[in-house]
C-alpha cells in the first residue's frame, strides 16, 4: 500500500501499521503531521490531515 503525505508530498512509511484500516490514525515520519485514513482502494491509500504535527 502507498500513502503520499498531503502536506510534504513524501511517501508515508506504513510498515508500522500492519492492520491498516479506514479511520486509523497514522503519522508522517518526514513532517510529523497526523493523518486519518479516509479510503483504501487497491494499493492506493488516501488520508486527511487531523493535526498539523511538530
N, C-alpha and C. Protein backbone atom coordinates (compact mmCIF):
# COMPACT_ATOMS: atom_id res chain seq x y z
N UNK A 1 0.84 -1.18 0.00
CA UNK A 1 0.00 0.00 0.00
C UNK A 1 0.88 1.24 0.00
N UNK A 2 0.37 2.30 -0.58
CA UNK A 2 1.14 3.53 -0.71
C UNK A 2 0.29 4.72 -0.29
N UNK A 3 0.88 5.56 0.56
CA UNK A 3 0.22 6.79 1.00
C UNK A 3 1.20 7.94 0.81
N UNK A 4 0.76 8.97 0.11
CA UNK A 4 1.54 10.18 -0.07
C UNK A 4 1.01 11.23 0.91
N UNK A 5 1.91 11.80 1.71
CA UNK A 5 1.51 12.82 2.68
C UNK A 5 0.99 14.06 1.94
N UNK A 6 -0.22 14.50 2.28
CA UNK A 6 -0.76 15.69 1.61
C UNK A 6 -0.03 16.98 1.97
N UNK A 7 0.75 16.96 3.04
CA UNK A 7 1.47 18.14 3.48
C UNK A 7 2.85 18.25 2.83
N UNK A 8 3.70 17.22 2.99
CA UNK A 8 5.08 17.31 2.50
C UNK A 8 5.30 16.55 1.19
N UNK A 9 4.29 15.82 0.72
CA UNK A 9 4.33 15.09 -0.56
C UNK A 9 5.32 13.93 -0.58
N UNK A 10 5.77 13.46 0.58
CA UNK A 10 6.65 12.30 0.67
C UNK A 10 5.82 11.05 0.94
N UNK A 11 6.40 9.89 0.66
CA UNK A 11 5.75 8.63 0.99
C UNK A 11 5.71 8.45 2.50
N UNK A 12 4.56 8.04 3.02
CA UNK A 12 4.43 7.74 4.44
C UNK A 12 4.79 6.26 4.62
N UNK A 13 5.67 5.98 5.56
CA UNK A 13 6.09 4.61 5.83
C UNK A 13 4.99 3.90 6.62
N UNK A 14 4.32 2.95 5.97
CA UNK A 14 3.19 2.24 6.58
C UNK A 14 3.61 0.92 7.21
N UNK A 15 4.91 0.65 7.30
CA UNK A 15 5.41 -0.59 7.88
C UNK A 15 4.95 -0.76 9.33
N UNK A 16 4.86 0.33 10.07
CA UNK A 16 4.45 0.27 11.47
C UNK A 16 2.94 0.10 11.65
N UNK A 17 2.20 0.01 10.57
CA UNK A 17 0.74 -0.10 10.63
C UNK A 17 0.29 -1.34 9.83
N UNK A 18 0.56 -2.55 10.35
CA UNK A 18 0.27 -3.78 9.58
C UNK A 18 -1.23 -4.05 9.37
N UNK A 19 -2.08 -3.58 10.27
CA UNK A 19 -3.52 -3.82 10.16
C UNK A 19 -4.26 -2.54 9.82
N UNK A 20 -3.74 -1.80 8.87
CA UNK A 20 -4.28 -0.51 8.49
C UNK A 20 -5.72 -0.65 7.98
N UNK A 21 -6.60 0.23 8.46
CA UNK A 21 -8.00 0.23 8.04
C UNK A 21 -8.49 1.68 7.98
N UNK A 22 -9.63 1.87 7.36
CA UNK A 22 -10.24 3.19 7.27
C UNK A 22 -10.46 3.75 8.68
N UNK A 23 -10.24 5.03 8.85
CA UNK A 23 -10.37 5.78 10.10
C UNK A 23 -9.21 5.57 11.07
N UNK A 24 -8.18 4.79 10.69
CA UNK A 24 -6.97 4.68 11.51
C UNK A 24 -6.18 5.98 11.42
N UNK A 25 -5.42 6.26 12.46
CA UNK A 25 -4.57 7.44 12.51
C UNK A 25 -3.13 7.01 12.28
N UNK A 26 -2.44 7.71 11.38
CA UNK A 26 -1.03 7.44 11.10
C UNK A 26 -0.27 8.77 11.17
N UNK A 27 1.03 8.67 11.32
CA UNK A 27 1.87 9.87 11.37
C UNK A 27 2.91 9.82 10.27
N UNK A 28 3.07 10.92 9.58
CA UNK A 28 4.12 11.03 8.56
C UNK A 28 5.46 11.14 9.27
N UNK A 29 6.38 10.23 8.95
CA UNK A 29 7.67 10.24 9.61
C UNK A 29 8.59 11.35 9.10
N UNK A 30 8.21 12.00 8.01
CA UNK A 30 9.02 13.09 7.46
C UNK A 30 8.66 14.44 8.09
N UNK A 31 7.37 14.78 8.14
CA UNK A 31 6.98 16.11 8.63
C UNK A 31 6.25 16.06 9.98
N UNK A 32 5.87 14.86 10.45
CA UNK A 32 5.24 14.72 11.76
C UNK A 32 3.75 15.00 11.79
N UNK A 33 3.16 15.24 10.65
CA UNK A 33 1.73 15.53 10.60
C UNK A 33 0.92 14.25 10.88
N UNK A 34 -0.22 14.39 11.55
CA UNK A 34 -1.08 13.26 11.86
C UNK A 34 -2.18 13.18 10.80
N UNK A 35 -2.37 11.98 10.27
CA UNK A 35 -3.33 11.76 9.19
C UNK A 35 -4.34 10.69 9.57
N UNK A 36 -5.58 10.84 9.09
CA UNK A 36 -6.60 9.81 9.26
C UNK A 36 -6.88 9.19 7.90
N UNK A 37 -6.80 7.87 7.85
CA UNK A 37 -7.06 7.14 6.60
C UNK A 37 -8.53 7.33 6.22
N UNK A 38 -8.76 7.82 5.00
CA UNK A 38 -10.13 8.05 4.54
C UNK A 38 -10.60 7.04 3.51
N UNK A 39 -9.66 6.44 2.77
CA UNK A 39 -10.04 5.47 1.75
C UNK A 39 -8.86 4.56 1.44
N UNK A 40 -9.17 3.31 1.17
CA UNK A 40 -8.15 2.34 0.79
C UNK A 40 -8.69 1.56 -0.40
N UNK A 41 -8.16 1.89 -1.57
CA UNK A 41 -8.60 1.23 -2.79
C UNK A 41 -7.41 0.62 -3.50
N UNK A 42 -7.34 -0.69 -3.53
CA UNK A 42 -6.20 -1.36 -4.13
C UNK A 42 -4.94 -1.06 -3.36
N UNK A 43 -3.93 -0.57 -4.04
CA UNK A 43 -2.66 -0.22 -3.39
C UNK A 43 -2.61 1.26 -2.98
N UNK A 44 -3.62 2.05 -3.37
CA UNK A 44 -3.64 3.47 -3.05
C UNK A 44 -4.41 3.73 -1.76
N UNK A 45 -3.79 4.51 -0.89
CA UNK A 45 -4.41 4.91 0.38
C UNK A 45 -4.52 6.42 0.36
N UNK A 46 -5.67 6.95 0.78
CA UNK A 46 -5.83 8.39 0.89
C UNK A 46 -6.10 8.75 2.34
N UNK A 47 -5.70 9.96 2.72
CA UNK A 47 -5.83 10.38 4.10
C UNK A 47 -6.08 11.88 4.15
N UNK A 48 -6.67 12.32 5.28
CA UNK A 48 -6.86 13.74 5.50
C UNK A 48 -6.09 14.15 6.75
N UNK A 49 -5.74 15.42 6.80
CA UNK A 49 -4.95 15.95 7.90
C UNK A 49 -5.83 16.06 9.15
N UNK A 50 -5.33 15.51 10.27
CA UNK A 50 -6.03 15.59 11.54
C UNK A 50 -5.37 16.62 12.44
N UNK A 51 -4.03 16.63 12.46
CA UNK A 51 -3.28 17.54 13.31
C UNK A 51 -2.01 17.95 12.57
N UNK A 52 -1.66 19.22 12.68
CA UNK A 52 -0.51 19.75 11.95
C UNK A 52 0.83 19.20 12.40
N UNK A 53 0.91 18.58 13.55
CA UNK A 53 2.13 17.90 13.96
C UNK A 53 3.14 18.81 14.63
N UNK A 54 4.41 18.45 14.47
CA UNK A 54 5.53 19.07 15.19
C UNK A 54 5.80 20.48 14.74
